Amino acid sequence: MKLTELKAIKLAELFSALSDASRVRIISLLIEGEMSVGALAEGLKMTESAVSHQLRGLRQMKLVRTRKDGRQVYYALDDDHVIELFQRGLDHVRHG
């Protein structure tokens, strides 16, 4: 399979977004369903500021999306591709 330069860059950026343990842990929680920053921070034992910082990067890569309910913002995985990529990576780690 031959990749164009642009596709190769976008794929490398995707893997770069997944190269941080905090972001991977956020994705692991969001697989269960949408959550607020506060709930994610509590579940991960991180500060809300640190979680927000990581979510910003995941949003830029279109791995997560937001939904507002009044003043509260909820985060969810953008689509099933994110879950599949996460699961395949986890399977690879488990068999390694």
Protein backbone atom coordinates (compact mmCIF):
# COMPACT_ATOMS: atom_id res chain seq x y z
CA MET A 1 0.00 0.00 0.00
CA LYS A 2 1.49 3.29 -1.08
CA LEU A 3 0.67 6.37 0.99
CA THR A 4 0.73 9.94 -0.16
CA GLU A 5 2.87 12.31 1.88
CA LEU A 6 -0.24 13.97 3.33
CA LYS A 7 -1.81 10.65 4.40
CA ALA A 8 1.49 9.57 5.96
CA ILE A 9 1.68 12.82 7.94
CA LYS A 10 -1.93 12.49 9.14
CA LEU A 11 -1.35 8.86 10.20
CA ALA A 12 1.83 9.83 12.06
CA GLU A 13 -0.10 12.63 13.82
CA LEU A 14 -2.77 10.13 14.85
CA PHE A 15 -0.21 7.79 16.39
CA SER A 16 1.47 10.77 18.02
CA ALA A 17 -1.86 11.70 19.65
CA LEU A 18 -1.99 8.18 21.08
CA SER A 19 1.62 8.27 22.29
CA ASP A 20 0.74 9.76 25.67
CA ALA A 21 -0.37 7.45 28.50
CA SER A 22 -2.79 10.05 29.90
CA ARG A 23 -4.57 10.39 26.56
CA VAL A 24 -4.79 6.60 26.22
CA ARG A 25 -6.27 6.38 29.73
CA ILE A 26 -8.82 9.08 28.85
CA ILE A 27 -9.84 7.08 25.78
CA SER A 28 -10.16 3.95 27.92
CA LEU A 29 -12.70 5.71 30.15
CA LEU A 30 -14.59 7.27 27.26
CA ILE A 31 -15.12 3.82 25.75
CA GLU A 32 -17.64 3.37 28.58
CA GLY A 33 -19.56 6.49 27.48
CA GLU A 34 -19.47 10.26 27.56
CA MET A 35 -18.08 11.98 30.63
CA SER A 36 -17.42 15.46 31.96
CA VAL A 37 -13.91 16.74 32.65
CA GLY A 38 -14.59 16.44 36.37
CA ALA A 39 -15.64 12.80 36.10
CA LEU A 40 -12.63 12.00 33.92
CA ALA A 41 -10.30 13.75 36.37
CA GLU A 42 -11.77 11.82 39.28
CA GLY A 43 -11.57 8.50 37.44
CA LEU A 44 -7.97 9.10 36.41
CA LYS A 45 -6.81 10.75 39.66
CA MET A 46 -5.63 13.76 37.65
CA THR A 47 -6.40 17.46 37.91
CA GLU A 48 -9.18 18.88 35.77
CA SER A 49 -6.62 21.21 34.21
CA ALA A 50 -4.41 18.31 33.14
CA VAL A 51 -7.38 16.39 31.73
CA SER A 52 -8.60 19.47 29.84
CA HIS A 53 -5.15 19.91 28.33
CA GLN A 54 -5.11 16.32 27.07
CA LEU A 55 -8.70 16.55 25.79
CA ARG A 56 -7.77 19.60 23.74
CA GLY A 57 -5.23 17.52 21.81
CA LEU A 58 -7.67 14.66 21.35
CA ARG A 59 -10.29 17.10 20.01
CA GLN A 60 -7.82 18.60 17.55
CA MET A 61 -7.16 15.10 16.21
CA LYS A 62 -10.93 14.49 16.01
CA LEU A 63 -10.68 11.54 18.38
CA VAL A 64 -13.19 13.02 20.82
CA ARG A 65 -16.20 15.31 20.43
CA THR A 66 -18.11 17.49 22.85
CA ARG A 67 -21.72 18.02 23.81
CA LYS A 68 -22.87 20.95 25.91
CA ASP A 69 -25.70 20.69 28.39
CA GLY A 70 -26.13 24.13 29.89
CA ARG A 71 -22.73 25.07 31.26
CA GLN A 72 -21.54 21.47 31.49
CA VAL A 73 -19.46 20.00 28.65
CA TYR A 74 -19.41 16.26 28.04
CA TYR A 75 -16.77 14.43 26.05
CA ALA A 76 -17.25 11.26 24.00
CA LEU A 77 -15.24 9.30 21.49
CA ASP A 78 -15.80 10.68 18.02
CA ASP A 79 -16.61 7.35 16.36
CA ASP A 80 -16.17 3.59 16.51
CA HIS A 81 -12.83 3.80 14.69
CA VAL A 82 -11.27 5.18 17.85
CA ILE A 83 -12.52 2.18 19.85
CA GLU A 84 -11.29 -0.24 17.21
CA LEU A 85 -7.85 1.38 17.08
CA PHE A 86 -7.63 1.32 20.89
CA GLN A 87 -8.71 -2.34 21.08
CA ARG A 88 -6.27 -3.44 18.36
CA GLY A 89 -3.43 -1.64 20.09
CA LEU A 90 -4.36 -3.21 23.41
CA ASP A 91 -4.54 -6.67 21.80
CA HIS A 92 -1.07 -6.12 20.34
CA VAL A 93 0.31 -5.13 23.76
CA ARG A 94 -1.30 -8.15 25.43
CA HIS A 95 0.27 -10.52 22.92
CA GLY A 96 3.67 -8.85 23.06
